[in-house]
Amino acid sequence: MALRRKMVLVTAAVVAVFALMGTGAWANGSSTGHVLPGFLMTATSGPPGTTVGVTSACAPAPGAPAAVFMVSIISTTDSTLDVVNSTVGSGSSITTDVTIPSNWPAGSYTVSASCDDYYNQFAYATQTFIVGTPPTFTAASPPTSGATAHVYSYTFAAGGAPAPTFALAAGAPSWLTIDAATGGLTGTVPSGTSTFSYSVVASNGVQPDATAGPFSVTVPQPVTPAATCASTPGYWIAEANGQVTPFGSAGNYGSLVSLGVTPAKPIVGIAATPDCRGYWLVATDGGLFAFGDAAFYGSMGTTHLNSPVVGMTATPRGGYFEVASDGGLFAFGPGADFAGSMGGQPLAKPVVGMAINPTGGYYEVASDGGVFAFGAPFHGSTGCLSLAMPILAMTASPDTTSVGTGTACGFTGTQAPGGYLFVASDGGVFSFGNSVFNGSLAGKGITDVVGLTNS
């Protein structure tokens, strides 16, 4: 009697042990096939040369002398890669081993098992087996510090066959993403974040998966840039919780902390009134808080924002601007004359601050040192430089008459009066136009500088 073989090729999800794919016996004389019950396998993945034990209920019908249990493994992409083993038995279940040939390439294979007795009864079941080597990380040393409103990124790498894919493990922050194919991790750290953690999993269907992490990343909480006035030899420093601390002869006009108020979003900016007898605080949601003689002319606090507010500046006439990380600018009060913004325009890097030009107009600056001038003269940028750390703030020169003599990246044509300074998070200072470089904190191991202002 010739043995009869049935082959069914399907792709199924990899599981640790094959689940029961059917129950009960099949009817005498059935030749159309039934799902084979009790189908178990000792492994669902492994390298070439792996021997897999396959067990299933395979009892012959009453009166039948025995049943044939046949197991086949075949490539899902190359039908010439096929190995078969069979055994004959008469018990309630039959076990047989099948060995993956040592020369088979990595990939997905289908295990097909069938049971056939001498009374023309037949049943089958299938499952997937992954041939290959488990993944191993070859690059998994991401940064352990970040900065709010800046991109955190790293590219993970892992070996294995088939080539692994990458995913973030449960618990990663929602703003962090990873490219499944390349392992590229990226995300902009939201304002107010002090720490976050994540793990990365590499998988290719061959067990075990590889996990890198958990990685704990600290984000230094910035102190908001100080507000100052030329008429008052002092300044104020604001903190993310709304605390304001005066220094020198700067007056104490109160704070959110002294009022017992907790802002809905972190404070990211402070600006002094022209007479230095008050100041404003601004939060990432655009909410504004006025102290002393600072007048309230409105805010973005009740308006949906495409991007968070990152700072503010006051006008000489007592008005103010709020600026968002996408370059959107919002003008309120006297002297806050809107002359344009980068809102809605493509940006290589997020806007991190702005400055009022004393003779009119204003500037926006991005974290790469890109400068966008609106109604104000352009004095150059750091576009020709490779920055060790991102730009975080700028201030305009109070000198409205002298002309700078130096050269600057991106500057062409005749110099105009005025200038500005940038500061990076490592304390590096960059001067343009008539602004004078008087030193910096670069090279001193500092990484959490957040602003600068003229004295």
Protein backbone atom coordinates (compact mmCIF):
# COMPACT_ATOMS: atom_id res chain seq x y z
CA MET A 1 0.00 0.00 0.00
CA ALA A 2 1.37 3.40 -0.98
CA LEU A 3 1.51 6.01 1.73
CA ARG A 4 -0.56 9.07 1.00
CA ARG A 5 0.80 12.55 1.88
CA LYS A 6 -1.07 15.82 2.24
CA MET A 7 0.81 19.17 2.25
CA VAL A 8 -0.80 22.47 3.30
CA LEU A 9 1.37 25.61 3.15
CA VAL A 10 0.22 28.55 5.27
CA THR A 11 1.99 31.21 7.28
CA ALA A 12 1.07 31.31 10.98
CA ALA A 13 2.22 33.40 13.91
CA VAL A 14 5.22 32.13 15.88
CA VAL A 15 4.26 30.87 19.33
CA ALA A 16 6.29 29.24 22.09
CA VAL A 17 4.40 25.96 21.77
CA PHE A 18 1.95 24.95 19.09
CA ALA A 19 -1.59 25.47 20.27
CA LEU A 20 -4.27 22.83 19.93
CA MET A 21 -5.60 23.29 16.43
CA GLY A 22 -8.57 20.95 16.66
CA THR A 23 -10.25 18.38 18.90
CA GLY A 24 -12.01 15.07 18.59
CA ALA A 25 -11.75 12.22 16.11
CA TRP A 26 -12.55 12.26 12.45
CA ALA A 27 -15.26 10.23 10.74
CA ASN A 28 -14.48 6.82 9.27
CA GLY A 29 -13.88 7.02 5.57
CA SER A 30 -13.29 10.77 5.50
CA SER A 31 -10.87 11.67 2.75
CA THR A 32 -11.37 15.44 2.75
CA GLY A 33 -9.22 16.03 5.84
CA HIS A 34 -9.72 17.37 9.33
CA VAL A 35 -7.66 19.56 11.62
CA LEU A 36 -5.13 17.44 13.46
CA PRO A 37 -5.69 17.69 17.25
CA GLY A 38 -3.03 18.00 19.94
CA PHE A 39 -0.28 19.27 17.61
CA LEU A 40 2.82 20.23 19.68
CA MET A 41 6.38 21.14 18.73
CA THR A 42 9.54 21.35 20.85
CA ALA A 43 10.77 24.58 19.17
CA THR A 44 9.46 27.20 16.77
CA SER A 45 12.82 28.69 15.77
CA GLY A 46 16.49 27.81 15.71
CA PRO A 47 19.66 27.67 13.63
CA PRO A 48 20.26 25.21 10.76
CA GLY A 49 20.83 21.72 12.13
CA THR A 50 18.11 22.03 14.78
CA THR A 51 16.15 18.85 15.44
CA VAL A 52 12.48 19.46 16.13
CA GLY A 53 10.27 16.96 17.91
CA VAL A 54 6.65 16.96 16.70
CA THR A 55 3.84 15.20 18.57
CA SER A 56 0.16 14.93 17.73
CA ALA A 57 -2.91 12.80 18.33
CA CYS A 58 -2.75 10.28 15.52
CA ALA A 59 -4.83 7.27 16.55
CA PRO A 60 -6.03 4.87 13.83
CA ALA A 61 -9.72 4.22 13.44
CA PRO A 62 -11.14 1.14 15.20
CA GLY A 63 -10.08 -1.91 13.27
CA ALA A 64 -7.26 -0.15 11.46
CA PRO A 65 -3.86 -1.75 12.16
CA ALA A 66 -1.86 1.51 12.40
CA ALA A 67 -1.59 5.13 11.33
CA VAL A 68 1.14 6.96 9.44
CA PHE A 69 2.36 10.24 11.00
CA MET A 70 4.22 12.34 8.45
CA VAL A 71 6.00 15.66 9.14
CA SER A 72 7.40 17.95 6.45
CA ILE A 73 9.33 21.22 6.66
CA ILE A 74 9.38 23.35 3.53
CA SER A 75 10.57 26.87 2.74
CA THR A 76 7.80 29.43 2.22
CA THR A 77 9.80 30.97 -0.66
CA ASP A 78 11.72 28.03 -2.21
CA SER A 79 9.79 24.79 -2.61
CA THR A 80 13.01 22.85 -3.35
CA LEU A 81 13.95 23.22 0.33
CA ASP A 82 11.82 20.37 1.67
CA VAL A 83 12.58 17.62 4.20
CA VAL A 84 10.16 14.86 5.23
CA ASN A 85 10.10 12.31 8.06
CA SER A 86 7.39 9.77 8.87
CA THR A 87 6.66 7.06 11.39
CA VAL A 88 3.99 4.38 11.86
CA GLY A 89 2.19 3.85 15.17
CA SER A 90 -1.00 2.65 16.75
CA GLY A 91 -1.20 4.57 20.06
CA SER A 92 -3.28 7.63 20.91
CA SER A 93 -0.47 9.92 19.78
CA ILE A 94 2.70 9.65 17.72
CA THR A 95 6.00 11.56 17.99
CA THR A 96 8.65 11.98 15.31
CA ASP A 97 11.73 14.14 14.88
CA VAL A 98 12.67 16.19 11.86
CA THR A 99 16.06 17.91 11.47
CA ILE A 100 16.63 21.23 9.69
CA PRO A 101 19.44 20.65 7.16
CA SER A 102 22.64 22.47 8.13
CA ASN A 103 22.91 24.19 4.74
CA TRP A 104 19.48 25.81 4.78
CA PRO A 105 19.45 29.63 4.69
CA ALA A 106 17.75 31.81 7.27
CA GLY A 107 14.09 32.38 6.62
CA SER A 108 10.54 31.28 7.27
CA TYR A 109 9.55 27.63 6.86
CA THR A 110 6.22 25.80 7.17
CA VAL A 111 5.91 22.66 9.27
CA SER A 112 3.12 20.47 7.92
CA ALA A 113 2.02 17.37 9.83
CA SER A 114 -0.47 14.78 8.61
CA CYS A 115 -1.97 11.58 9.99
CA ASP A 116 -3.33 8.87 7.69
CA ASP A 117 -4.61 5.38 8.55
CA TYR A 118 -5.35 2.36 6.45
CA TYR A 119 -9.09 3.14 6.46
CA ASN A 120 -8.65 6.28 4.41
CA GLN A 121 -8.93 8.68 7.34
CA PHE A 122 -6.82 11.82 7.09
CA ALA A 123 -6.07 14.96 9.17
CA TYR A 124 -3.42 17.69 9.06
CA ALA A 125 -2.06 20.80 10.81
CA THR A 126 0.55 23.47 10.01
CA GLN A 127 2.73 26.02 11.79
CA THR A 128 5.70 28.28 11.06
CA PHE A 129 9.34 27.62 11.98
CA ILE A 130 11.98 30.36 11.68
CA VAL A 131 15.46 29.24 10.68
CA GLY A 132 18.23 31.62 11.72
CA THR A 133 20.24 33.03 14.60
CA PRO A 134 18.76 35.17 17.38
CA PRO A 135 19.42 38.92 17.36
CA THR A 136 22.31 40.50 19.24
CA PHE A 137 22.79 44.25 19.69
CA THR A 138 25.98 45.65 18.15
CA ALA A 139 25.25 49.34 18.87
CA ALA A 140 23.35 50.20 22.04
CA SER A 141 25.02 53.14 23.82
CA PRO A 142 22.52 56.02 23.47
CA PRO A 143 22.94 59.43 25.15
CA THR A 144 22.03 59.53 28.82
CA SER A 145 21.15 63.23 28.87
CA GLY A 146 18.80 65.39 26.82
CA ALA A 147 17.46 68.92 26.61
CA THR A 148 13.88 70.16 26.56
CA ALA A 149 12.54 71.28 23.17
CA HIS A 150 15.50 69.56 21.48
CA VAL A 151 15.69 66.33 19.50
CA TYR A 152 16.94 63.24 21.32
CA SER A 153 18.25 60.67 18.83
CA TYR A 154 20.39 57.57 18.42
CA THR A 155 20.68 54.71 15.93
CA PHE A 156 20.63 51.19 17.35
CA ALA A 157 22.11 48.26 15.43
CA ALA A 158 21.78 44.50 15.85
CA GLY A 159 22.96 41.39 14.04
CA GLY A 160 21.11 38.14 13.45
CA ALA A 161 19.51 36.12 10.70
CA PRO A 162 17.02 37.03 9.40
CA ALA A 163 17.87 40.70 9.83
CA PRO A 164 16.20 41.92 13.03
CA THR A 165 13.59 44.64 13.29
CA PHE A 166 13.41 47.13 16.15
CA ALA A 167 10.63 48.27 18.47
CA LEU A 168 10.30 50.22 21.69
CA ALA A 169 9.35 48.15 24.71
CA ALA A 170 6.26 49.03 26.72
CA GLY A 171 6.66 52.08 28.93
CA ALA A 172 8.58 54.29 26.50
CA PRO A 173 7.37 57.92 26.26
CA SER A 174 4.78 58.50 23.54
CA TRP A 175 6.86 61.21 21.83
CA LEU A 176 9.75 58.79 21.23
CA THR A 177 9.72 56.66 18.07
CA ILE A 178 12.02 54.13 16.43
CA ASP A 179 12.35 53.09 12.80
CA ALA A 180 11.67 49.35 12.69
CA ALA A 181 14.08 48.76 9.81
CA THR A 182 16.99 51.10 10.58
CA GLY A 183 16.90 51.27 14.38
CA GLY A 184 16.87 55.08 14.22
CA LEU A 185 15.44 56.46 17.47
CA THR A 186 14.20 60.04 17.60
CA GLY A 187 11.89 62.39 19.46
CA THR A 188 11.69 65.98 20.67
CA VAL A 189 11.87 66.19 24.46
CA PRO A 190 8.76 68.04 25.73
CA SER A 191 9.17 71.05 27.97
CA GLY A 192 8.96 70.16 31.64
CA THR A 193 10.51 66.71 31.18
CA SER A 194 13.10 65.97 33.89
CA THR A 195 13.79 62.31 33.12
CA PHE A 196 12.57 59.52 30.89
CA SER A 197 13.47 55.89 30.26
CA TYR A 198 13.00 53.35 27.51
CA SER A 199 14.14 49.96 26.23
CA VAL A 200 14.58 48.73 22.66
CA VAL A 201 13.75 45.20 21.51
CA ALA A 202 15.34 43.57 18.44
CA SER A 203 13.49 40.56 17.05
CA ASN A 204 13.64 38.37 13.95
CA GLY A 205 11.42 35.44 14.87
CA VAL A 206 14.32 33.43 16.27
CA GLN A 207 14.17 33.21 20.05
CA PRO A 208 15.20 34.79 22.27
CA ASP A 209 14.57 38.43 21.34
CA ALA A 210 17.33 40.86 22.34
CA THR A 211 16.56 43.76 24.68
CA ALA A 212 18.75 46.83 25.15
CA GLY A 213 18.07 48.93 28.21
CA PRO A 214 16.36 50.20 30.15
CA PHE A 215 18.12 53.48 29.46
CA SER A 216 17.49 56.31 31.93
CA VAL A 217 17.90 59.78 30.44
CA THR A 218 18.14 62.90 32.56
CA VAL A 219 16.97 66.28 31.31
CA PRO A 220 18.40 69.22 33.30
CA GLN A 221 15.64 71.62 34.28
CA PRO A 222 16.49 74.96 32.72
CA VAL A 223 16.45 78.18 34.65
CA THR A 224 14.61 80.69 32.53
CA PRO A 225 16.87 83.39 31.03
CA ALA A 226 17.27 86.39 33.31
CA ALA A 227 15.41 89.63 32.73
CA THR A 228 17.35 92.86 33.15
CA CYS A 229 17.06 96.60 32.56
CA ALA A 230 19.74 99.13 31.74
CA SER A 231 18.29 101.53 34.36
CA THR A 232 18.44 98.96 37.16
CA PRO A 233 21.76 97.26 38.09
CA GLY A 234 20.16 93.92 38.78
CA TYR A 235 18.12 91.14 37.25
CA TRP A 236 15.55 88.44 37.90
CA ILE A 237 15.81 84.70 37.40
CA ALA A 238 12.63 82.71 36.87
CA GLU A 239 12.23 78.98 37.40
CA ALA A 240 9.95 76.47 35.68
CA ASN A 241 7.55 76.44 38.66
CA GLY A 242 7.07 80.22 38.48
CA GLN A 243 9.47 81.18 41.26
CA VAL A 244 11.15 84.55 40.59
CA THR A 245 14.33 85.54 42.43
CA PRO A 246 15.58 89.15 42.27
CA PHE A 247 19.30 90.02 42.33
CA GLY A 248 21.08 93.32 42.85
CA SER A 249 18.73 96.27 43.05
CA ALA A 250 15.95 94.47 41.13
CA GLY A 251 12.66 94.76 43.00
CA ASN A 252 10.61 91.84 44.24
CA TYR A 253 7.19 92.05 42.56
CA GLY A 254 6.01 88.56 43.43
CA SER A 255 5.88 85.15 41.79
CA LEU A 256 3.50 82.28 41.17
CA VAL A 257 5.05 80.44 44.10
CA SER A 258 4.44 83.34 46.47
CA LEU A 259 0.82 83.44 45.30
CA GLY A 260 0.41 79.71 45.80
CA VAL A 261 -0.33 79.21 42.10
CA THR A 262 0.87 76.14 40.21
CA PRO A 263 1.08 76.80 36.46
CA ALA A 264 -0.63 74.27 34.21
CA LYS A 265 2.53 74.14 32.11
CA PRO A 266 6.17 74.99 32.93
CA ILE A 267 7.35 78.59 32.82
CA VAL A 268 9.87 79.09 30.00
CA GLY A 269 10.33 82.87 29.76
CA ILE A 270 10.52 86.11 31.68
CA ALA A 271 10.63 89.68 30.38
CA ALA A 272 10.94 92.96 32.27
CA THR A 273 8.82 96.06 31.72
CA PRO A 274 10.62 99.10 30.25
CA ASP A 275 10.90 100.83 33.64
CA CYS A 276 11.98 97.62 35.43
CA ARG A 277 9.09 97.86 37.89
CA GLY A 278 7.46 94.64 36.82
CA TYR A 279 7.77 91.58 34.66
CA TRP A 280 5.86 88.92 32.79
CA LEU A 281 6.17 85.13 32.97
CA VAL A 282 5.16 82.91 30.05
CA ALA A 283 4.48 79.15 30.07
CA THR A 284 4.81 76.56 27.30
CA ASP A 285 1.06 76.71 26.64
CA GLY A 286 1.27 80.49 26.06
CA GLY A 287 -0.27 81.38 29.41
CA LEU A 288 0.98 84.76 30.68
CA PHE A 289 1.33 86.07 34.23
CA ALA A 290 1.91 89.79 34.96
CA PHE A 291 3.57 91.22 38.08
CA GLY A 292 4.30 94.76 39.27
CA ASP A 293 3.43 97.37 36.64
CA ALA A 294 3.38 94.79 33.85
CA ALA A 295 0.10 95.15 31.96
CA PHE A 296 -1.78 92.16 30.63
CA TYR A 297 -2.64 92.55 26.94
CA GLY A 298 -3.62 88.97 26.24
CA SER A 299 -1.88 85.63 25.74
CA MET A 300 -2.08 82.33 23.87
CA GLY A 301 -3.07 80.47 27.03
CA THR A 302 -6.58 79.66 25.83
CA THR A 303 -5.66 79.01 22.18
CA HIS A 304 -4.59 75.71 20.63
CA LEU A 305 -0.92 75.86 19.65
CA ASN A 306 0.75 73.78 16.97
CA SER A 307 4.01 73.95 18.94
CA PRO A 308 4.90 74.98 22.50
CA VAL A 309 5.92 78.51 23.40
CA VAL A 310 9.65 78.66 24.14
CA GLY A 311 10.10 82.26 25.26
CA MET A 312 9.02 85.88 25.20
CA THR A 313 10.45 89.37 24.90
CA ALA A 314 9.13 92.84 25.76
CA THR A 315 8.99 95.89 23.53
CA PRO A 316 10.34 99.34 24.54
CA ARG A 317 6.74 100.61 24.70
CA GLY A 318 5.49 97.98 27.15
CA GLY A 319 4.04 95.32 24.88
CA TYR A 320 5.41 91.83 24.37
CA PHE A 321 5.80 88.89 22.00
CA GLU A 322 5.46 85.17 22.64
CA VAL A 323 7.46 82.86 20.36
CA ALA A 324 6.85 79.13 19.71
CA SER A 325 9.28 76.41 18.69
CA ASP A 326 7.83 76.28 15.15
CA GLY A 327 8.64 80.00 14.73
CA GLY A 328 5.09 81.16 15.30
CA LEU A 329 5.03 84.65 16.84
CA PHE A 330 2.22 86.20 18.82
CA ALA A 331 2.13 89.98 19.42
CA PHE A 332 0.36 91.74 22.28
CA GLY A 333 0.23 95.37 23.42
CA PRO A 334 2.04 98.63 22.52
CA GLY A 335 5.03 98.34 20.22
CA ALA A 336 4.41 94.68 19.45
CA ASP A 337 4.17 95.27 15.74
CA PHE A 338 4.00 92.02 13.82
CA ALA A 339 6.52 91.98 10.97
CA GLY A 340 6.40 88.30 10.09
CA SER A 341 7.53 84.99 11.56
CA MET A 342 8.67 81.48 10.64
CA GLY A 343 5.33 79.99 11.65
CA GLY A 344 4.19 77.60 8.92
CA GLN A 345 7.62 77.62 7.26
CA PRO A 346 9.93 74.59 7.07
CA LEU A 347 12.64 74.67 9.74
CA ALA A 348 15.78 72.56 9.93
CA LYS A 349 15.77 72.98 13.71
CA PRO A 350 13.24 74.39 16.19
CA VAL A 351 13.18 78.06 17.13
CA VAL A 352 14.51 78.53 20.67
CA GLY A 353 14.26 82.30 21.23
CA MET A 354 13.94 85.81 19.88
CA ALA A 355 15.26 89.31 20.44
CA ILE A 356 13.96 92.83 19.81
CA ASN A 357 16.11 95.06 17.61
CA PRO A 358 16.42 98.47 19.36
CA THR A 359 15.79 100.39 16.14
CA GLY A 360 12.82 98.28 15.05
CA GLY A 361 11.96 94.76 14.07
CA TYR A 362 13.06 91.56 15.72
CA TYR A 363 14.90 88.27 15.27
CA GLU A 364 14.09 84.61 15.76
CA VAL A 365 16.91 82.11 16.33
CA ALA A 366 16.85 78.33 15.90
CA SER A 367 18.87 75.74 17.82
CA ASP A 368 21.35 75.42 14.94
CA GLY A 369 22.03 79.17 15.04
CA GLY A 370 19.87 79.96 12.04
CA VAL A 371 18.68 83.59 12.28
CA PHE A 372 15.47 84.93 10.81
CA ALA A 373 15.27 88.75 10.67
CA PHE A 374 11.96 90.57 10.43
CA GLY A 375 12.17 94.33 9.94
CA ALA A 376 15.70 94.21 11.33
CA PRO A 377 19.16 93.99 9.69
CA PHE A 378 20.72 90.56 9.29
CA HIS A 379 24.24 90.27 10.73
CA GLY A 380 24.98 86.61 10.03
CA SER A 381 24.48 83.22 11.71
CA THR A 382 26.40 80.10 12.72
CA GLY A 383 25.49 78.38 9.48
CA CYS A 384 29.16 77.89 8.52
CA LEU A 385 30.12 76.43 11.90
CA SER A 386 29.86 72.94 13.36
CA LEU A 387 28.27 73.47 16.77
CA ALA A 388 29.30 71.27 19.68
CA MET A 389 26.02 72.05 21.46
CA PRO A 390 22.74 73.66 20.33
CA ILE A 391 22.06 77.40 20.46
CA LEU A 392 19.57 78.18 23.22
CA ALA A 393 19.11 81.98 23.28
CA MET A 394 20.08 85.29 21.72
CA THR A 395 20.18 88.95 22.69
CA ALA A 396 20.40 92.04 20.50
CA SER A 397 23.15 94.63 20.84
CA PRO A 398 22.02 97.87 22.56
CA ASP A 399 24.48 99.80 20.39
CA THR A 400 22.41 101.28 17.57
CA THR A 401 25.08 103.40 15.90
CA SER A 402 28.39 101.59 15.45
CA VAL A 403 29.04 99.14 12.64
CA GLY A 404 30.76 95.82 13.11
CA THR A 405 33.92 95.13 11.17
CA GLY A 406 34.19 91.36 11.45
CA THR A 407 32.90 88.75 9.05
CA ALA A 408 30.02 86.42 9.84
CA CYS A 409 28.55 83.24 8.40
CA GLY A 410 25.86 84.01 5.88
CA PHE A 411 26.60 87.74 5.82
CA THR A 412 26.86 89.50 2.50
CA GLY A 413 26.81 93.16 1.61
CA THR A 414 27.52 96.24 3.68
CA GLN A 415 27.29 95.90 7.45
CA ALA A 416 24.44 97.79 9.12
CA PRO A 417 24.60 99.24 12.65
CA GLY A 418 23.71 96.81 15.40
CA GLY A 419 24.39 93.16 16.13
CA TYR A 420 23.50 90.25 18.35
CA LEU A 421 24.94 87.45 20.47
CA PHE A 422 24.08 83.75 20.67
CA VAL A 423 24.76 81.41 23.55
CA ALA A 424 24.90 77.59 23.30
CA SER A 425 24.08 75.11 26.05
CA ASP A 426 27.80 74.61 26.75
CA GLY A 427 28.26 78.34 27.32
CA GLY A 428 29.81 79.02 23.93
CA VAL A 429 29.14 82.61 22.79
CA PHE A 430 28.97 83.78 19.18
CA SER A 431 29.02 87.49 18.30
CA PHE A 432 27.75 89.18 15.16
CA GLY A 433 27.71 92.75 13.91
CA ASN A 434 28.91 95.23 16.53
CA SER A 435 28.36 92.86 19.46
CA VAL A 436 31.66 92.35 21.25
CA PHE A 437 32.91 88.93 22.32
CA ASN A 438 34.11 89.15 25.92
CA GLY A 439 34.62 85.46 26.63
CA SER A 440 32.47 82.39 27.22
CA LEU A 441 32.05 79.26 29.31
CA ALA A 442 32.84 76.88 26.43
CA GLY A 443 35.24 74.09 27.34
CA LYS A 444 34.49 74.23 31.07
CA GLY A 445 32.29 71.11 31.14
CA ILE A 446 29.02 73.06 31.40
CA THR A 447 26.02 71.73 29.45
CA ASP A 448 22.96 73.42 30.97
CA VAL A 449 23.33 77.10 30.03
CA VAL A 450 19.91 78.40 28.94
CA GLY A 451 20.27 82.11 28.19
CA LEU A 452 22.18 85.37 28.18
CA THR A 453 21.34 89.08 28.34
CA ASN A 454 23.16 92.36 27.96
CA SER A 455 24.25 94.27 31.04
